[in-house]
């Protein structure tokens, strides 16, 4: 293998296999209270500002992943919620915006921002104590012969892994060492996205 390609591949594998913030964050007990205190005043009910309703999981989930995501599972740095909540108080795009803060709205604290960051990094799941960054196979499920495919990301780095399925905005893969990982679909190359769609259709 070309030595100049070894380092990028190792970095890609490290990002997949040793992702930070694997601690499970419980949405109900840890994230919901923060959003309730800091976001629901403007973003709840049918008249929520910007048509962003966060008090209902069914509505909120529509903005997690997808075409216009507020949250990108597994990618806190690119998630609008965390970006805007971390902006300086004087920034007009900050959440809550300066006018709201003048009326008493509170910005998230550093500890609250860290919890939100960990929750997003773990997959932004509503399931109790869930962490979709790392999962294990169900021992009750019958074993089937695994077919390994070459998966590439948008940077051209590749990984040999078997397709397990799709959970939310992440594809579930199993490496040759048996490690089960979850990787954001939007970070896959177009060829790998198409491969995922084909494999998913075969299972339906």
Foldseek 3Di string as FASTA:
>chain_A
DPPVQVVVQVVVVCCQPVPPLQFFAACVPQVVVQCVQFPQVQADDCNHPPSHHDNDCVRNLVQEDDDNHCADALCLPPHVVLVQLPDDQQDCSHRVGVVVVVVPRDGDDPVSSVSVSSCRNQGVDNDGRHRQFFDADDPVDDDDDFDWDWWAFPVGHIATWGWDADDRQWTWTAHPVRTIGTHGLNRTDPVRNVVRVVVHVVVD
